[in-house]
Amino acid sequence: MICSTNAIESLNARYGRAVRARGHFPNDATTLKYLFLMTRSLGPLGQGAGTMGHEVEPALNASAIAFDGRIN
């Protein structure tokens, strides 16, 4: 079993900061898309744009399973 608690907590904190900075979302689909794009833009060290770091891969894989066909 791979321990991913720190990665999940880190991603959750990033989501919280992103949502607070953005403010209002017109609907749930917009919110999910914004969080997905924010996740894809994380760099390997968690700063700015770049390739996705290993710490967010488990969360992105779980999202791909939950939203089959909508996340590539």
N, C-alpha and C. Protein backbone atom coordinates (compact mmCIF):
# COMPACT_ATOMS: atom_id res chain seq x y z
N MET A 1 0.84 -1.17 0.00
CA MET A 1 0.00 0.00 0.00
C MET A 1 0.89 1.24 0.00
N ILE A 2 0.57 2.17 -0.86
CA ILE A 2 1.35 3.41 -0.97
C ILE A 2 0.69 4.48 -0.10
N CYS A 3 1.47 5.07 0.77
CA CYS A 3 0.96 6.13 1.64
C CYS A 3 0.89 7.43 0.86
N SER A 4 -0.30 7.96 0.66
CA SER A 4 -0.46 9.18 -0.12
C SER A 4 -1.17 10.27 0.67
N THR A 5 -1.21 10.15 2.00
CA THR A 5 -1.91 11.12 2.82
C THR A 5 -1.33 12.52 2.65
N ASN A 6 0.00 12.65 2.65
CA ASN A 6 0.62 13.96 2.48
C ASN A 6 0.29 14.57 1.13
N ALA A 7 0.28 13.75 0.09
CA ALA A 7 -0.04 14.25 -1.24
C ALA A 7 -1.48 14.73 -1.31
N ILE A 8 -2.37 13.99 -0.71
CA ILE A 8 -3.79 14.37 -0.72
C ILE A 8 -3.99 15.65 0.08
N GLU A 9 -3.36 15.76 1.23
CA GLU A 9 -3.49 16.97 2.04
C GLU A 9 -2.90 18.18 1.32
N SER A 10 -1.78 17.99 0.63
CA SER A 10 -1.16 19.07 -0.12
C SER A 10 -2.07 19.54 -1.24
N LEU A 11 -2.64 18.59 -1.96
CA LEU A 11 -3.55 18.93 -3.05
C LEU A 11 -4.80 19.61 -2.52
N ASN A 12 -5.32 19.14 -1.39
CA ASN A 12 -6.49 19.75 -0.78
C ASN A 12 -6.21 21.20 -0.38
N ALA A 13 -5.03 21.47 0.16
CA ALA A 13 -4.66 22.84 0.54
C ALA A 13 -4.55 23.72 -0.69
N ARG A 14 -3.99 23.19 -1.77
CA ARG A 14 -3.89 23.95 -3.01
C ARG A 14 -5.27 24.26 -3.58
N TYR A 15 -6.18 23.29 -3.52
CA TYR A 15 -7.56 23.52 -3.99
C TYR A 15 -8.21 24.62 -3.17
N GLY A 16 -8.03 24.59 -1.85
CA GLY A 16 -8.62 25.61 -0.99
C GLY A 16 -8.11 27.01 -1.33
N ARG A 17 -6.79 27.13 -1.53
CA ARG A 17 -6.23 28.43 -1.89
C ARG A 17 -6.74 28.90 -3.24
N ALA A 18 -6.83 27.98 -4.21
CA ALA A 18 -7.27 28.34 -5.55
C ALA A 18 -8.73 28.80 -5.54
N VAL A 19 -9.58 28.11 -4.80
CA VAL A 19 -10.99 28.47 -4.75
C VAL A 19 -11.18 29.80 -4.03
N ARG A 20 -10.44 30.02 -2.94
CA ARG A 20 -10.55 31.30 -2.23
C ARG A 20 -10.07 32.45 -3.11
N ALA A 21 -9.01 32.23 -3.89
CA ALA A 21 -8.49 33.28 -4.75
C ALA A 21 -9.45 33.59 -5.91
N ARG A 22 -10.11 32.56 -6.43
CA ARG A 22 -11.02 32.73 -7.57
C ARG A 22 -12.35 33.32 -7.15
N GLY A 23 -12.86 32.90 -6.01
CA GLY A 23 -14.13 33.44 -5.53
C GLY A 23 -15.32 32.63 -6.01
N HIS A 24 -16.22 33.28 -6.73
CA HIS A 24 -17.50 32.69 -7.13
C HIS A 24 -17.37 31.85 -8.40
N PHE A 25 -18.08 30.72 -8.44
CA PHE A 25 -18.17 29.88 -9.62
C PHE A 25 -19.64 29.78 -10.02
N PRO A 26 -19.96 29.90 -11.31
CA PRO A 26 -21.37 29.88 -11.72
C PRO A 26 -22.06 28.53 -11.52
N ASN A 27 -21.31 27.42 -11.64
CA ASN A 27 -21.92 26.10 -11.43
C ASN A 27 -20.84 25.08 -11.04
N ASP A 28 -21.28 23.87 -10.72
CA ASP A 28 -20.35 22.83 -10.27
C ASP A 28 -19.38 22.39 -11.37
N ALA A 29 -19.86 22.35 -12.61
CA ALA A 29 -18.99 21.92 -13.71
C ALA A 29 -17.82 22.89 -13.88
N THR A 30 -18.08 24.16 -13.73
CA THR A 30 -17.02 25.16 -13.83
C THR A 30 -16.00 24.98 -12.72
N THR A 31 -16.47 24.69 -11.53
CA THR A 31 -15.58 24.47 -10.40
C THR A 31 -14.68 23.26 -10.64
N LEU A 32 -15.25 22.15 -11.10
CA LEU A 32 -14.47 20.95 -11.38
C LEU A 32 -13.43 21.19 -12.47
N LYS A 33 -13.83 21.91 -13.52
CA LYS A 33 -12.90 22.19 -14.60
C LYS A 33 -11.75 23.06 -14.11
N TYR A 34 -12.06 24.07 -13.30
CA TYR A 34 -11.03 24.96 -12.76
C TYR A 34 -10.04 24.17 -11.91
N LEU A 35 -10.54 23.29 -11.04
CA LEU A 35 -9.66 22.49 -10.18
C LEU A 35 -8.84 21.50 -11.00
N PHE A 36 -9.44 20.93 -12.02
CA PHE A 36 -8.71 20.01 -12.89
C PHE A 36 -7.56 20.73 -13.60
N LEU A 37 -7.85 21.90 -14.17
CA LEU A 37 -6.81 22.65 -14.87
C LEU A 37 -5.72 23.11 -13.91
N MET A 38 -6.11 23.47 -12.69
CA MET A 38 -5.13 23.87 -11.69
C MET A 38 -4.23 22.68 -11.34
N THR A 39 -4.81 21.49 -11.24
CA THR A 39 -4.03 20.29 -10.93
C THR A 39 -3.05 19.97 -12.06
N ARG A 40 -3.51 20.09 -13.29
CA ARG A 40 -2.65 19.79 -14.44
C ARG A 40 -1.50 20.78 -14.58
N SER A 41 -1.66 22.00 -14.06
CA SER A 41 -0.63 23.02 -14.24
C SER A 41 0.44 23.00 -13.15
N LEU A 42 0.31 22.12 -12.16
CA LEU A 42 1.30 22.08 -11.08
C LEU A 42 2.64 21.59 -11.60
N GLY A 43 3.69 22.23 -11.15
CA GLY A 43 5.04 21.81 -11.50
C GLY A 43 5.49 20.66 -10.61
N PRO A 44 6.65 20.08 -10.90
CA PRO A 44 7.13 18.94 -10.11
C PRO A 44 7.39 19.29 -8.65
N LEU A 45 7.67 20.55 -8.37
CA LEU A 45 7.89 20.96 -6.98
C LEU A 45 6.69 21.71 -6.42
N GLY A 46 5.59 21.73 -7.16
CA GLY A 46 4.38 22.38 -6.68
C GLY A 46 4.31 23.87 -6.98
N GLN A 47 5.28 24.39 -7.73
CA GLN A 47 5.26 25.81 -8.05
C GLN A 47 4.97 25.99 -9.53
N GLY A 48 4.00 26.80 -9.83
CA GLY A 48 3.74 27.23 -11.20
C GLY A 48 3.53 26.13 -12.20
N ALA A 49 3.60 26.52 -13.46
CA ALA A 49 3.35 25.60 -14.56
C ALA A 49 4.54 24.69 -14.78
N GLY A 50 4.27 23.53 -15.27
CA GLY A 50 5.33 22.57 -15.56
C GLY A 50 4.74 21.19 -15.69
N THR A 51 5.57 20.20 -15.65
CA THR A 51 5.05 18.84 -15.72
C THR A 51 4.47 18.45 -14.37
N MET A 52 3.55 17.54 -14.39
CA MET A 52 2.87 17.14 -13.17
C MET A 52 3.82 16.37 -12.25
N GLY A 53 3.83 16.73 -11.01
CA GLY A 53 4.68 16.07 -10.04
C GLY A 53 4.11 14.72 -9.61
N HIS A 54 4.96 13.89 -9.03
CA HIS A 54 4.53 12.56 -8.60
C HIS A 54 3.52 12.62 -7.47
N GLU A 55 3.49 13.73 -6.73
CA GLU A 55 2.59 13.79 -5.58
C GLU A 55 1.13 13.95 -5.97
N VAL A 56 0.83 14.40 -7.20
CA VAL A 56 -0.57 14.58 -7.59
C VAL A 56 -1.07 13.47 -8.51
N GLU A 57 -0.19 12.59 -8.95
CA GLU A 57 -0.60 11.52 -9.85
C GLU A 57 -1.68 10.61 -9.26
N PRO A 58 -1.59 10.19 -7.98
CA PRO A 58 -2.67 9.33 -7.44
C PRO A 58 -4.03 10.03 -7.44
N ALA A 59 -4.05 11.31 -7.11
CA ALA A 59 -5.32 12.04 -7.10
C ALA A 59 -5.87 12.19 -8.51
N LEU A 60 -5.00 12.47 -9.47
CA LEU A 60 -5.45 12.61 -10.85
C LEU A 60 -5.94 11.28 -11.41
N ASN A 61 -5.27 10.19 -11.07
CA ASN A 61 -5.72 8.87 -11.51
C ASN A 61 -7.08 8.52 -10.93
N ALA A 62 -7.31 8.85 -9.67
CA ALA A 62 -8.62 8.60 -9.06
C ALA A 62 -9.70 9.43 -9.74
N SER A 63 -9.38 10.67 -10.10
CA SER A 63 -10.33 11.52 -10.81
C SER A 63 -10.64 10.95 -12.19
N ALA A 64 -9.63 10.41 -12.87
CA ALA A 64 -9.84 9.83 -14.19
C ALA A 64 -10.76 8.62 -14.11
N ILE A 65 -10.67 7.85 -13.03
CA ILE A 65 -11.56 6.71 -12.85
C ILE A 65 -12.98 7.17 -12.53
N ALA A 66 -13.10 8.16 -11.67
CA ALA A 66 -14.42 8.65 -11.26
C ALA A 66 -15.13 9.36 -12.40
N PHE A 67 -14.39 10.07 -13.25
CA PHE A 67 -14.99 10.83 -14.35
C PHE A 67 -14.53 10.23 -15.66
N ASP A 68 -14.91 8.98 -15.89
CA ASP A 68 -14.47 8.22 -17.05
C ASP A 68 -14.75 8.94 -18.36
N GLY A 69 -13.71 9.10 -19.16
CA GLY A 69 -13.85 9.70 -20.47
C GLY A 69 -13.77 11.22 -20.49
N ARG A 70 -13.78 11.87 -19.35
CA ARG A 70 -13.74 13.35 -19.32
C ARG A 70 -12.37 13.88 -18.98
N ILE A 71 -11.47 13.06 -18.47
CA ILE A 71 -10.13 13.50 -18.11
C ILE A 71 -9.13 12.68 -18.91
N ASN A 72 -8.30 13.39 -19.64
CA ASN A 72 -7.28 12.70 -20.46
C ASN A 72 -5.91 13.06 -19.98
